[in-house]
């Protein structure tokens, strides 16, 4: 998203409807797993944070959504079907979005935050 967006709602409003629906499903997952998570825009993507700590960063591109940040070691063997790098997993819009996998990542990251307390 090239335009400057200051709020999570503003970010979502600028998305095409089909992509917005994907982001709303991810938001629902995050809120179910971490009800106290806060949303903010950071580095041009939608971030979900708890106590200032990142749970999930999600960004919209033309052909894919990206999950940004450290990829948990526990999931690296499950990434063969997705384009990925050290700090990003891409899910193509043309393919089914793996919401269960995304939920596992959210649960993993939330669990790490619990251990840090």
PDB file of N, CA and C in Angstrom:
ATOM      1  N   UNK A   1       0.845  -1.178   0.000  1.00  0.00           N
ATOM      2  CA  UNK A   1       0.000   0.000   0.000  1.00  0.00           C
ATOM      3  C   UNK A   1       0.889   1.239   0.000  1.00  0.00           C
ATOM      4  N   UNK A   2       0.875   1.932  -1.069  1.00  0.00           N
ATOM      5  CA  UNK A   2       1.761   3.085  -1.215  1.00  0.00           C
ATOM      6  C   UNK A   2       1.251   4.294  -0.444  1.00  0.00           C
ATOM      7  N   UNK A   3      -0.063   4.474  -0.385  1.00  0.00           N
ATOM      8  CA  UNK A   3      -0.616   5.633   0.305  1.00  0.00           C
ATOM      9  C   UNK A   3      -0.366   5.517   1.805  1.00  0.00           C
ATOM     10  N   UNK A   4      -0.166   6.658   2.431  1.00  0.00           N
ATOM     11  CA  UNK A   4       0.046   6.701   3.867  1.00  0.00           C
ATOM     12  C   UNK A   4      -1.273   6.414   4.571  1.00  0.00           C
ATOM     13  N   UNK A   5      -1.279   5.396   5.414  1.00  0.00           N
ATOM     14  CA  UNK A   5      -2.463   5.004   6.170  1.00  0.00           C
ATOM     15  C   UNK A   5      -2.080   5.038   7.637  1.00  0.00           C
ATOM     16  N   UNK A   6      -2.893   5.675   8.455  1.00  0.00           N
ATOM     17  CA  UNK A   6      -2.536   5.850   9.858  1.00  0.00           C
ATOM     18  C   UNK A   6      -3.236   4.890  10.805  1.00  0.00           C
ATOM     19  N   UNK A   7      -4.323   4.284  10.383  1.00  0.00           N
ATOM     20  CA  UNK A   7      -5.069   3.399  11.272  1.00  0.00           C
ATOM     21  C   UNK A   7      -5.289   2.042  10.622  1.00  0.00           C
ATOM     22  N   UNK A   8      -5.565   1.053  11.462  1.00  0.00           N
ATOM     23  CA  UNK A   8      -5.884  -0.281  10.949  1.00  0.00           C
ATOM     24  C   UNK A   8      -7.137  -0.227  10.087  1.00  0.00           C
ATOM     25  N   UNK A   9      -8.140   0.500  10.544  1.00  0.00           N
ATOM     26  CA  UNK A   9      -9.381   0.612   9.768  1.00  0.00           C
ATOM     27  C   UNK A   9      -9.125   1.274   8.418  1.00  0.00           C
ATOM     28  N   UNK A  10      -8.281   2.286   8.409  1.00  0.00           N
ATOM     29  CA  UNK A  10      -7.940   2.945   7.153  1.00  0.00           C
ATOM     30  C   UNK A  10      -7.219   2.002   6.202  1.00  0.00           C
ATOM     31  N   UNK A  11      -6.348   1.185   6.751  1.00  0.00           N
ATOM     32  CA  UNK A  11      -5.642   0.194   5.939  1.00  0.00           C
ATOM     33  C   UNK A  11      -6.641  -0.766   5.309  1.00  0.00           C
ATOM     34  N   UNK A  12      -7.549  -1.288   6.119  1.00  0.00           N
ATOM     35  CA  UNK A  12      -8.535  -2.258   5.629  1.00  0.00           C
ATOM     36  C   UNK A  12      -9.466  -1.631   4.593  1.00  0.00           C
ATOM     37  N   UNK A  13      -9.861  -0.388   4.811  1.00  0.00           N
ATOM     38  CA  UNK A  13     -10.769   0.286   3.880  1.00  0.00           C
ATOM     39  C   UNK A  13     -10.156   0.451   2.490  1.00  0.00           C
ATOM     40  N   UNK A  14      -8.838   0.576   2.415  1.00  0.00           N
ATOM     41  CA  UNK A  14      -8.169   0.774   1.127  1.00  0.00           C
ATOM     42  C   UNK A  14      -7.988  -0.523   0.344  1.00  0.00           C
ATOM     43  N   UNK A  15      -8.220  -1.656   0.979  1.00  0.00           N
ATOM     44  CA  UNK A  15      -8.048  -2.944   0.299  1.00  0.00           C
ATOM     45  C   UNK A  15      -9.236  -3.251  -0.602  1.00  0.00           C
ATOM     46  N   UNK A  16      -9.006  -3.937  -1.720  1.00  0.00           N
ATOM     47  CA  UNK A  16     -10.140  -4.438  -2.507  1.00  0.00           C
ATOM     48  C   UNK A  16     -10.971  -5.380  -1.633  1.00  0.00           C
ATOM     49  N   UNK A  17     -12.247  -5.440  -1.880  1.00  0.00           N
ATOM     50  CA  UNK A  17     -13.146  -6.186  -0.992  1.00  0.00           C
ATOM     51  C   UNK A  17     -12.734  -7.643  -0.806  1.00  0.00           C
ATOM     52  N   UNK A  18     -12.340  -8.325  -1.881  1.00  0.00           N
ATOM     53  CA  UNK A  18     -11.969  -9.739  -1.734  1.00  0.00           C
ATOM     54  C   UNK A  18     -10.751  -9.916  -0.827  1.00  0.00           C
ATOM     55  N   UNK A  19      -9.818  -8.987  -0.888  1.00  0.00           N
ATOM     56  CA  UNK A  19      -8.633  -9.053  -0.034  1.00  0.00           C
ATOM     57  C   UNK A  19      -8.988  -8.615   1.380  1.00  0.00           C
ATOM     58  N   UNK A  20      -9.838  -7.606   1.504  1.00  0.00           N
ATOM     59  CA  UNK A  20     -10.291  -7.165   2.824  1.00  0.00           C
ATOM     60  C   UNK A  20     -10.919  -8.326   3.591  1.00  0.00           C
ATOM     61  N   UNK A  21     -11.702  -9.154   2.905  1.00  0.00           N
ATOM     62  CA  UNK A  21     -12.336 -10.303   3.567  1.00  0.00           C
ATOM     63  C   UNK A  21     -11.291 -11.255   4.153  1.00  0.00           C
ATOM     64  N   UNK A  22     -10.206 -11.461   3.437  1.00  0.00           N
ATOM     65  CA  UNK A  22      -9.121 -12.300   3.942  1.00  0.00           C
ATOM     66  C   UNK A  22      -8.541 -11.692   5.215  1.00  0.00           C
ATOM     67  N   UNK A  23      -8.289 -10.397   5.172  1.00  0.00           N
ATOM     68  CA  UNK A  23      -7.723  -9.714   6.340  1.00  0.00           C
ATOM     69  C   UNK A  23      -8.685  -9.736   7.524  1.00  0.00           C
ATOM     70  N   UNK A  24      -9.968  -9.624   7.256  1.00  0.00           N
ATOM     71  CA  UNK A  24     -10.950  -9.679   8.345  1.00  0.00           C
ATOM     72  C   UNK A  24     -10.995 -11.070   8.978  1.00  0.00           C
ATOM     73  N   UNK A  25     -10.818 -12.110   8.185  1.00  0.00           N
ATOM     74  CA  UNK A  25     -10.753 -13.465   8.743  1.00  0.00           C
ATOM     75  C   UNK A  25      -9.510 -13.634   9.605  1.00  0.00           C
ATOM     76  N   UNK A  26      -8.393 -13.076   9.154  1.00  0.00           N
ATOM     77  CA  UNK A  26      -7.165 -13.144   9.954  1.00  0.00           C
ATOM     78  C   UNK A  26      -7.337 -12.345  11.239  1.00  0.00           C
ATOM     79  N   UNK A  27      -7.965 -11.194  11.155  1.00  0.00           N
ATOM     80  CA  UNK A  27      -8.242 -10.390  12.355  1.00  0.00           C
ATOM     81  C   UNK A  27      -9.078 -11.203  13.350  1.00  0.00           C
ATOM     82  N   UNK A  28     -10.080 -11.900  12.841  1.00  0.00           N
ATOM     83  CA  UNK A  28     -10.940 -12.719  13.698  1.00  0.00           C
ATOM     84  C   UNK A  28     -10.130 -13.817  14.390  1.00  0.00           C
ATOM     85  N   UNK A  29      -9.205 -14.429  13.668  1.00  0.00           N
ATOM     86  CA  UNK A  29      -8.334 -15.445  14.254  1.00  0.00           C
ATOM     87  C   UNK A  29      -7.508 -14.847  15.380  1.00  0.00           C
ATOM     88  N   UNK A  30      -6.857 -13.719  15.100  1.00  0.00           N
ATOM     89  CA  UNK A  30      -6.002 -13.084  16.113  1.00  0.00           C
ATOM     90  C   UNK A  30      -6.831 -12.721  17.345  1.00  0.00           C
ATOM     91  N   UNK A  31      -7.988 -12.143  17.141  1.00  0.00           N
ATOM     92  CA  UNK A  31      -8.826 -11.737  18.279  1.00  0.00           C
ATOM     93  C   UNK A  31      -9.326 -12.932  19.080  1.00  0.00           C
ATOM     94  N   UNK A  32      -9.563 -14.061  18.415  1.00  0.00           N
ATOM     95  CA  UNK A  32     -10.001 -15.266  19.130  1.00  0.00           C
ATOM     96  C   UNK A  32      -8.869 -15.834  19.982  1.00  0.00           C
ATOM     97  N   UNK A  33      -7.662 -15.794  19.451  1.00  0.00           N
ATOM     98  CA  UNK A  33      -6.509 -16.352  20.159  1.00  0.00           C
ATOM     99  C   UNK A  33      -5.961 -15.387  21.192  1.00  0.00           C
ATOM    100  N   UNK A  34      -5.910 -14.111  20.848  1.00  0.00           N
ATOM    101  CA  UNK A  34      -5.324 -13.081  21.720  1.00  0.00           C
ATOM    102  C   UNK A  34      -6.297 -11.905  21.793  1.00  0.00           C
ATOM    103  N   UNK A  35      -7.340 -12.029  22.608  1.00  0.00           N
ATOM    104  CA  UNK A  35      -8.392 -11.001  22.635  1.00  0.00           C
ATOM    105  C   UNK A  35      -7.901  -9.589  22.963  1.00  0.00           C
ATOM    106  N   UNK A  36      -6.796  -9.473  23.692  1.00  0.00           N
ATOM    107  CA  UNK A  36      -6.300  -8.154  24.100  1.00  0.00           C
ATOM    108  C   UNK A  36      -5.306  -7.553  23.101  1.00  0.00           C
ATOM    109  N   UNK A  37      -5.096  -8.218  21.978  1.00  0.00           N
ATOM    110  CA  UNK A  37      -4.152  -7.699  20.979  1.00  0.00           C
ATOM    111  C   UNK A  37      -4.638  -6.368  20.429  1.00  0.00           C
ATOM    112  N   UNK A  38      -3.685  -5.502  20.158  1.00  0.00           N
ATOM    113  CA  UNK A  38      -3.967  -4.196  19.566  1.00  0.00           C
ATOM    114  C   UNK A  38      -3.473  -4.185  18.130  1.00  0.00           C
ATOM    115  N   UNK A  39      -4.181  -3.463  17.273  1.00  0.00           N
ATOM    116  CA  UNK A  39      -3.794  -3.331  15.875  1.00  0.00           C
ATOM    117  C   UNK A  39      -3.183  -1.959  15.640  1.00  0.00           C
ATOM    118  N   UNK A  40      -2.160  -1.947  14.822  1.00  0.00           N
ATOM    119  CA  UNK A  40      -1.539  -0.692  14.440  1.00  0.00           C
ATOM    120  C   UNK A  40      -0.893  -0.870  13.068  1.00  0.00           C
ATOM    121  N   UNK A  41      -0.614   0.230  12.436  1.00  0.00           N
ATOM    122  CA  UNK A  41       0.109   0.200  11.168  1.00  0.00           C
ATOM    123  C   UNK A  41       1.576   0.467  11.477  1.00  0.00           C
ATOM    124  N   UNK A  42       2.422  -0.451  11.058  1.00  0.00           N
ATOM    125  CA  UNK A  42       3.857  -0.300  11.265  1.00  0.00           C
ATOM    126  C   UNK A  42       4.553  -0.806  10.017  1.00  0.00           C
ATOM    127  N   UNK A  43       5.490  -0.038   9.505  1.00  0.00           N
ATOM    128  CA  UNK A  43       6.223  -0.392   8.279  1.00  0.00           C
ATOM    129  C   UNK A  43       5.272  -0.606   7.106  1.00  0.00           C
ATOM    130  N   UNK A  44       4.128   0.060   7.103  1.00  0.00           N
ATOM    131  CA  UNK A  44       3.191  -0.019   5.993  1.00  0.00           C
ATOM    132  C   UNK A  44       2.333  -1.266   5.958  1.00  0.00           C
ATOM    133  N   UNK A  45       2.358  -2.056   7.042  1.00  0.00           N
ATOM    134  CA  UNK A  45       1.536  -3.259   7.111  1.00  0.00           C
ATOM    135  C   UNK A  45       0.725  -3.244   8.402  1.00  0.00           C
ATOM    136  N   UNK A  46      -0.258  -4.105   8.454  1.00  0.00           N
ATOM    137  CA  UNK A  46      -1.134  -4.199   9.618  1.00  0.00           C
ATOM    138  C   UNK A  46      -0.469  -5.082  10.664  1.00  0.00           C
ATOM    139  N   UNK A  47      -0.228  -4.515  11.820  1.00  0.00           N
ATOM    140  CA  UNK A  47       0.424  -5.255  12.899  1.00  0.00           C
ATOM    141  C   UNK A  47      -0.537  -5.552  14.030  1.00  0.00           C
ATOM    142  N   UNK A  48      -0.371  -6.743  14.601  1.00  0.00           N
ATOM    143  CA  UNK A  48      -1.131  -7.167  15.778  1.00  0.00           C
ATOM    144  C   UNK A  48      -0.114  -7.327  16.910  1.00  0.00           C
ATOM    145  N   UNK A  49      -0.334  -6.598  18.000  1.00  0.00           N
ATOM    146  CA  UNK A  49       0.627  -6.546  19.096  1.00  0.00           C
ATOM    147  C   UNK A  49      -0.067  -6.794  20.425  1.00  0.00           C
ATOM    148  N   UNK A  50       0.695  -7.343  21.359  1.00  0.00           N
ATOM    149  CA  UNK A  50       0.221  -7.502  22.729  1.00  0.00           C
ATOM    150  C   UNK A  50       1.308  -6.977  23.643  1.00  0.00           C
ATOM    151  N   UNK A  51       0.968  -5.977  24.437  1.00  0.00           N
ATOM    152  CA  UNK A  51       1.948  -5.383  25.332  1.00  0.00           C
ATOM    153  C   UNK A  51       3.164  -4.853  24.599  1.00  0.00           C
ATOM    154  N   UNK A  52       2.954  -4.344  23.392  1.00  0.00           N
ATOM    155  CA  UNK A  52       4.049  -3.794  22.600  1.00  0.00           C
ATOM    156  C   UNK A  52       4.865  -4.837  21.854  1.00  0.00           C
ATOM    157  N   UNK A  53       4.561  -6.114  22.039  1.00  0.00           N
ATOM    158  CA  UNK A  53       5.287  -7.193  21.379  1.00  0.00           C
ATOM    159  C   UNK A  53       4.499  -7.698  20.162  1.00  0.00           C
ATOM    160  N   UNK A  54       5.204  -7.939  19.071  1.00  0.00           N
ATOM    161  CA  UNK A  54       4.574  -8.383  17.831  1.00  0.00           C
ATOM    162  C   UNK A  54       4.027  -9.798  17.962  1.00  0.00           C
ATOM    163  N   UNK A  55       2.797  -9.940  17.485  1.00  0.00           N
ATOM    164  CA  UNK A  55       2.213 -11.261  17.323  1.00  0.00           C
ATOM    165  C   UNK A  55       2.211 -11.617  15.846  1.00  0.00           C
ATOM    166  N   UNK A  56       1.745 -10.662  15.024  1.00  0.00           N
ATOM    167  CA  UNK A  56       1.622 -10.936  13.596  1.00  0.00           C
ATOM    168  C   UNK A  56       1.636  -9.622  12.824  1.00  0.00           C
ATOM    169  N   UNK A  57       2.395  -9.587  11.730  1.00  0.00           N
ATOM    170  CA  UNK A  57       2.374  -8.474  10.789  1.00  0.00           C
ATOM    171  C   UNK A  57       1.857  -9.026   9.471  1.00  0.00           C
ATOM    172  N   UNK A  58       0.848  -8.371   8.892  1.00  0.00           N
ATOM    173  CA  UNK A  58       0.223  -8.847   7.662  1.00  0.00           C
ATOM    174  C   UNK A  58       0.152  -7.691   6.673  1.00  0.00           C
ATOM    175  N   UNK A  59       0.654  -7.932   5.475  1.00  0.00           N
ATOM    176  CA  UNK A  59       0.632  -6.896   4.455  1.00  0.00           C
ATOM    177  C   UNK A  59      -0.003  -7.389   3.165  1.00  0.00           C
ATOM    178  N   UNK A  60      -0.674  -6.473   2.480  1.00  0.00           N
ATOM    179  CA  UNK A  60      -1.324  -6.791   1.207  1.00  0.00           C
ATOM    180  C   UNK A  60      -0.438  -6.354   0.053  1.00  0.00           C
ATOM    181  N   UNK A  61      -0.245  -7.255  -0.889  1.00  0.00           N
ATOM    182  CA  UNK A  61       0.405  -6.944  -2.152  1.00  0.00           C
ATOM    183  C   UNK A  61      -0.583  -7.259  -3.267  1.00  0.00           C
ATOM    184  N   UNK A  62      -0.189  -6.990  -4.481  1.00  0.00           N
ATOM    185  CA  UNK A  62      -1.103  -7.183  -5.606  1.00  0.00           C
ATOM    186  C   UNK A  62      -1.575  -8.635  -5.727  1.00  0.00           C
ATOM    187  N   UNK A  63      -0.644  -9.591  -5.596  1.00  0.00           N
ATOM    188  CA  UNK A  63      -0.982 -10.987  -5.830  1.00  0.00           C
ATOM    189  C   UNK A  63      -0.922 -11.883  -4.599  1.00  0.00           C
ATOM    190  N   UNK A  64      -0.474 -11.344  -3.482  1.00  0.00           N
ATOM    191  CA  UNK A  64      -0.338 -12.177  -2.294  1.00  0.00           C
ATOM    192  C   UNK A  64      -0.468 -11.349  -1.023  1.00  0.00           C
ATOM    193  N   UNK A  65      -0.692 -12.048   0.086  1.00  0.00           N
ATOM    194  CA  UNK A  65      -0.562 -11.401   1.377  1.00  0.00           C
ATOM    195  C   UNK A  65       0.723 -11.927   1.990  1.00  0.00           C
ATOM    196  N   UNK A  66       1.353 -11.099   2.754  1.00  0.00           N
ATOM    197  CA  UNK A  66       2.606 -11.490   3.386  1.00  0.00           C
ATOM    198  C   UNK A  66       2.475 -11.471   4.887  1.00  0.00           C
ATOM    199  N   UNK A  67       3.009 -12.504   5.527  1.00  0.00           N
ATOM    200  CA  UNK A  67       3.180 -12.516   6.977  1.00  0.00           C
ATOM    201  C   UNK A  67       4.635 -12.172   7.214  1.00  0.00           C
ATOM    202  N   UNK A  68       4.888 -11.125   7.999  1.00  0.00           N
ATOM    203  CA  UNK A  68       6.236 -10.613   8.158  1.00  0.00           C
ATOM    204  C   UNK A  68       6.731 -10.787   9.579  1.00  0.00           C
ATOM    205  N   UNK A  69       8.029 -10.950   9.675  1.00  0.00           N
ATOM    206  CA  UNK A  69       8.690 -11.136  10.954  1.00  0.00           C
ATOM    207  C   UNK A  69       9.452 -12.453  10.941  1.00  0.00           C
ATOM    208  N   UNK A  70       9.934 -12.825  12.070  1.00  0.00           N
ATOM    209  CA  UNK A  70      10.685 -14.078  12.191  1.00  0.00           C
ATOM    210  C   UNK A  70       9.759 -15.254  11.904  1.00  0.00           C
ATOM    211  N   UNK A  71      10.223 -16.181  11.087  1.00  0.00           N
ATOM    212  CA  UNK A  71       9.448 -17.390  10.830  1.00  0.00           C
ATOM    213  C   UNK A  71       9.836 -18.397  11.909  1.00  0.00           C
ATOM    214  N   UNK A  72       8.874 -18.833  12.710  1.00  0.00           N
ATOM    215  CA  UNK A  72       9.204 -19.785  13.778  1.00  0.00           C
ATOM    216  C   UNK A  72       9.840 -21.057  13.222  1.00  0.00           C
ATOM    217  N   UNK A  73      10.912 -21.478  13.855  1.00  0.00           N
ATOM    218  CA  UNK A  73      11.639 -22.682  13.436  1.00  0.00           C
ATOM    219  C   UNK A  73      10.707 -23.887  13.331  1.00  0.00           C
ATOM    220  N   UNK A  74       9.725 -23.953  14.207  1.00  0.00           N
ATOM    221  CA  UNK A  74       8.804 -25.084  14.236  1.00  0.00           C
ATOM    222  C   UNK A  74       7.997 -25.228  12.950  1.00  0.00           C
ATOM    223  N   UNK A  75       7.907 -24.169  12.145  1.00  0.00           N
ATOM    224  CA  UNK A  75       7.076 -24.199  10.936  1.00  0.00           C
ATOM    225  C   UNK A  75       7.881 -24.275   9.640  1.00  0.00           C
ATOM    226  N   UNK A  76       9.182 -24.216   9.722  1.00  0.00           N
ATOM    227  CA  UNK A  76       9.994 -24.135   8.504  1.00  0.00           C
ATOM    228  C   UNK A  76       9.812 -25.339   7.587  1.00  0.00           C
ATOM    229  N   UNK A  77       9.534 -26.506   8.146  1.00  0.00           N
ATOM    230  CA  UNK A  77       9.364 -27.686   7.301  1.00  0.00           C
ATOM    231  C   UNK A  77       8.007 -27.717   6.607  1.00  0.00           C
ATOM    232  N   UNK A  78       7.147 -26.748   6.909  1.00  0.00           N
ATOM    233  CA  UNK A  78       5.815 -26.691   6.309  1.00  0.00           C
ATOM    234  C   UNK A  78       5.693 -25.585   5.265  1.00  0.00           C
ATOM    235  N   UNK A  79       6.794 -24.995   4.881  1.00  0.00           N
ATOM    236  CA  UNK A  79       6.766 -23.836   3.993  1.00  0.00           C
ATOM    237  C   UNK A  79       7.033 -24.156   2.529  1.00  0.00           C
ATOM    238  N   UNK A  80       7.221 -25.418   2.204  1.00  0.00           N
ATOM    239  CA  UNK A  80       7.572 -25.777   0.831  1.00  0.00           C
ATOM    240  C   UNK A  80       6.551 -25.309  -0.207  1.00  0.00           C
ATOM    241  N   UNK A  81       5.299 -25.215   0.164  1.00  0.00           N
ATOM    242  CA  UNK A  81       4.251 -24.817  -0.782  1.00  0.00           C
ATOM    243  C   UNK A  81       4.085 -23.309  -0.906  1.00  0.00           C
ATOM    244  N   UNK A  82       4.886 -22.555  -0.155  1.00  0.00           N
ATOM    245  CA  UNK A  82       4.732 -21.098  -0.137  1.00  0.00           C
ATOM    246  C   UNK A  82       6.067 -20.431  -0.426  1.00  0.00           C
ATOM    247  N   UNK A  83       6.000 -19.320  -1.138  1.00  0.00           N
ATOM    248  CA  UNK A  83       7.190 -18.506  -1.312  1.00  0.00           C
ATOM    249  C   UNK A  83       7.522 -17.911   0.048  1.00  0.00           C
ATOM    250  N   UNK A  84       8.770 -17.982   0.442  1.00  0.00           N
ATOM    251  CA  UNK A  84       9.139 -17.463   1.754  1.00  0.00           C
ATOM    252  C   UNK A  84      10.619 -17.076   1.773  1.00  0.00           C
ATOM    253  N   UNK A  85      10.943 -16.286   2.773  1.00  0.00           N
ATOM    254  CA  UNK A  85      12.321 -15.885   3.016  1.00  0.00           C
ATOM    255  C   UNK A  85      12.521 -15.915   4.522  1.00  0.00           C
ATOM    256  N   UNK A  86      13.632 -15.430   4.962  1.00  0.00           N
ATOM    257  CA  UNK A  86      13.931 -15.439   6.398  1.00  0.00           C
ATOM    258  C   UNK A  86      12.865 -14.699   7.215  1.00  0.00           C
ATOM    259  N   UNK A  87      12.269 -13.654   6.643  1.00  0.00           N
ATOM    260  CA  UNK A  87      11.338 -12.840   7.406  1.00  0.00           C
ATOM    261  C   UNK A  87       9.952 -12.685   6.817  1.00  0.00           C
ATOM    262  N   UNK A  88       9.571 -13.566   5.876  1.00  0.00           N
ATOM    263  CA  UNK A  88       8.268 -13.391   5.232  1.00  0.00           C
ATOM    264  C   UNK A  88       7.755 -14.718   4.677  1.00  0.00           C
ATOM    265  N   UNK A  89       6.458 -14.921   4.804  1.00  0.00           N
ATOM    266  CA  UNK A  89       5.764 -16.014   4.132  1.00  0.00           C
ATOM    267  C   UNK A  89       4.718 -15.370   3.239  1.00  0.00           C
ATOM    268  N   UNK A  90       4.662 -15.778   1.974  1.00  0.00           N
ATOM    269  CA  UNK A  90       3.671 -15.228   1.043  1.00  0.00           C
ATOM    270  C   UNK A  90       2.601 -16.274   0.743  1.00  0.00           C
ATOM    271  N   UNK A  91       1.357 -15.832   0.852  1.00  0.00           N
ATOM    272  CA  UNK A  91       0.221 -16.671   0.486  1.00  0.00           C
ATOM    273  C   UNK A  91      -0.451 -16.019  -0.721  1.00  0.00           C
ATOM    274  N   UNK A  92      -0.440 -16.715  -1.849  1.00  0.00           N
ATOM    275  CA  UNK A  92      -1.013 -16.191  -3.086  1.00  0.00           C
ATOM    276  C   UNK A  92      -2.538 -16.130  -2.968  1.00  0.00           C
ATOM    277  N   UNK A  93      -3.127 -15.040  -3.421  1.00  0.00           N
ATOM    278  CA  UNK A  93      -4.588 -14.899  -3.372  1.00  0.00           C
ATOM    279  C   UNK A  93      -5.285 -15.943  -4.243  1.00  0.00           C
ATOM    280  N   UNK A  94      -4.630 -16.384  -5.307  1.00  0.00           N
ATOM    281  CA  UNK A  94      -5.258 -17.339  -6.221  1.00  0.00           C
ATOM    282  C   UNK A  94      -5.387 -18.731  -5.590  1.00  0.00           C
ATOM    283  N   UNK A  95      -4.633 -18.972  -4.513  1.00  0.00           N
ATOM    284  CA  UNK A  95      -4.675 -20.252  -3.808  1.00  0.00           C
ATOM    285  C   UNK A  95      -5.501 -20.113  -2.531  1.00  0.00           C
ATOM    286  N   UNK A  96      -6.008 -21.227  -2.009  1.00  0.00           N
ATOM    287  CA  UNK A  96      -6.730 -21.137  -0.737  1.00  0.00           C
ATOM    288  C   UNK A  96      -5.800 -20.604   0.365  1.00  0.00           C
ATOM    289  N   UNK A  97      -6.295 -19.667   1.127  1.00  0.00           N
ATOM    290  CA  UNK A  97      -5.505 -19.111   2.234  1.00  0.00           C
ATOM    291  C   UNK A  97      -5.528 -20.128   3.375  1.00  0.00           C
ATOM    292  N   UNK A  98      -4.359 -20.504   3.907  1.00  0.00           N
ATOM    293  CA  UNK A  98      -4.304 -21.525   4.960  1.00  0.00           C
ATOM    294  C   UNK A  98      -4.573 -20.935   6.358  1.00  0.00           C
ATOM    295  N   UNK A  99      -5.834 -20.649   6.615  1.00  0.00           N
ATOM    296  CA  UNK A  99      -6.195 -19.996   7.880  1.00  0.00           C
ATOM    297  C   UNK A  99      -5.789 -20.827   9.094  1.00  0.00           C
ATOM    298  N   UNK A 100      -5.889 -22.155   9.005  1.00  0.00           N
ATOM    299  CA  UNK A 100      -5.479 -22.995  10.137  1.00  0.00           C
ATOM    300  C   UNK A 100      -3.992 -22.839  10.421  1.00  0.00           C
ATOM    301  N   UNK A 101      -3.194 -22.772   9.371  1.00  0.00           N
ATOM    302  CA  UNK A 101      -1.756 -22.577   9.523  1.00  0.00           C
ATOM    303  C   UNK A 101      -1.473 -21.206  10.143  1.00  0.00           C
ATOM    304  N   UNK A 102      -2.170 -20.186   9.670  1.00  0.00           N
ATOM    305  CA  UNK A 102      -1.998 -18.838  10.227  1.00  0.00           C
ATOM    306  C   UNK A 102      -2.370 -18.845  11.703  1.00  0.00           C
ATOM    307  N   UNK A 103      -3.448 -19.533  12.058  1.00  0.00           N
ATOM    308  CA  UNK A 103      -3.834 -19.618  13.473  1.00  0.00           C
ATOM    309  C   UNK A 103      -2.743 -20.303  14.297  1.00  0.00           C
ATOM    310  N   UNK A 104      -2.132 -21.342  13.759  1.00  0.00           N
ATOM    311  CA  UNK A 104      -1.037 -22.005  14.473  1.00  0.00           C
ATOM    312  C   UNK A 104       0.120 -21.039  14.718  1.00  0.00           C
ATOM    313  N   UNK A 105       0.427 -20.219  13.728  1.00  0.00           N
ATOM    314  CA  UNK A 105       1.504 -19.233  13.889  1.00  0.00           C
ATOM    315  C   UNK A 105       1.140 -18.228  14.971  1.00  0.00           C
ATOM    316  N   UNK A 106      -0.100 -17.745  14.955  1.00  0.00           N
ATOM    317  CA  UNK A 106      -0.553 -16.794  15.982  1.00  0.00           C
ATOM    318  C   UNK A 106      -0.463 -17.428  17.360  1.00  0.00           C
ATOM    319  N   UNK A 107      -0.947 -18.658  17.500  1.00  0.00           N
ATOM    320  CA  UNK A 107      -0.879 -19.348  18.798  1.00  0.00           C
ATOM    321  C   UNK A 107       0.571 -19.529  19.250  1.00  0.00           C
ATOM    322  N   UNK A 108       1.435 -19.862  18.334  1.00  0.00           N
ATOM    323  CA  UNK A 108       2.848 -20.028  18.661  1.00  0.00           C
ATOM    324  C   UNK A 108       3.440 -18.718  19.164  1.00  0.00           C
ATOM    325  N   UNK A 109       3.211 -17.646  18.418  1.00  0.00           N
ATOM    326  CA  UNK A 109       3.766 -16.342  18.813  1.00  0.00           C
ATOM    327  C   UNK A 109       3.178 -15.860  20.137  1.00  0.00           C
ATOM    328  N   UNK A 110       1.883 -16.057  20.346  1.00  0.00           N
ATOM    329  CA  UNK A 110       1.251 -15.667  21.614  1.00  0.00           C
ATOM    330  C   UNK A 110       1.835 -16.491  22.758  1.00  0.00           C
ATOM    331  N   UNK A 111       2.112 -17.766  22.510  1.00  0.00           N
ATOM    332  CA  UNK A 111       2.718 -18.624  23.531  1.00  0.00           C
ATOM    333  C   UNK A 111       4.114 -18.159  23.916  1.00  0.00           C
ATOM    334  N   UNK A 112       4.861 -17.694  22.940  1.00  0.00           N
ATOM    335  CA  UNK A 112       6.192 -17.161  23.245  1.00  0.00           C
ATOM    336  C   UNK A 112       6.091 -15.940  24.140  1.00  0.00           C
ATOM    337  N   UNK A 113       5.108 -15.094  23.893  1.00  0.00           N
ATOM    338  CA  UNK A 113       4.920 -13.911  24.729  1.00  0.00           C
ATOM    339  C   UNK A 113       4.585 -14.319  26.161  1.00  0.00           C
ATOM    340  N   UNK A 114       3.750 -15.339  26.307  1.00  0.00           N
ATOM    341  CA  UNK A 114       3.417 -15.827  27.666  1.00  0.00           C
ATOM    342  C   UNK A 114       4.661 -16.294  28.402  1.00  0.00           C
ATOM    343  N   UNK A 115       5.568 -16.958  27.694  1.00  0.00           N
ATOM    344  CA  UNK A 115       6.794 -17.473  28.316  1.00  0.00           C
ATOM    345  C   UNK A 115       7.733 -16.353  28.722  1.00  0.00           C
ATOM    346  N   UNK A 116       7.658 -15.207  28.023  1.00  0.00           N
ATOM    347  CA  UNK A 116       8.540 -14.078  28.314  1.00  0.00           C
ATOM    348  C   UNK A 116       8.098 -13.295  29.537  1.00  0.00           C
ATOM    349  N   UNK A 117       6.862 -13.518  29.969  1.00  0.00           N
ATOM    350  CA  UNK A 117       6.357 -12.753  31.121  1.00  0.00           C
ATOM    351  C   UNK A 117       7.017 -13.166  32.411  1.00  0.00           C
TER     352      UNK A 117
END
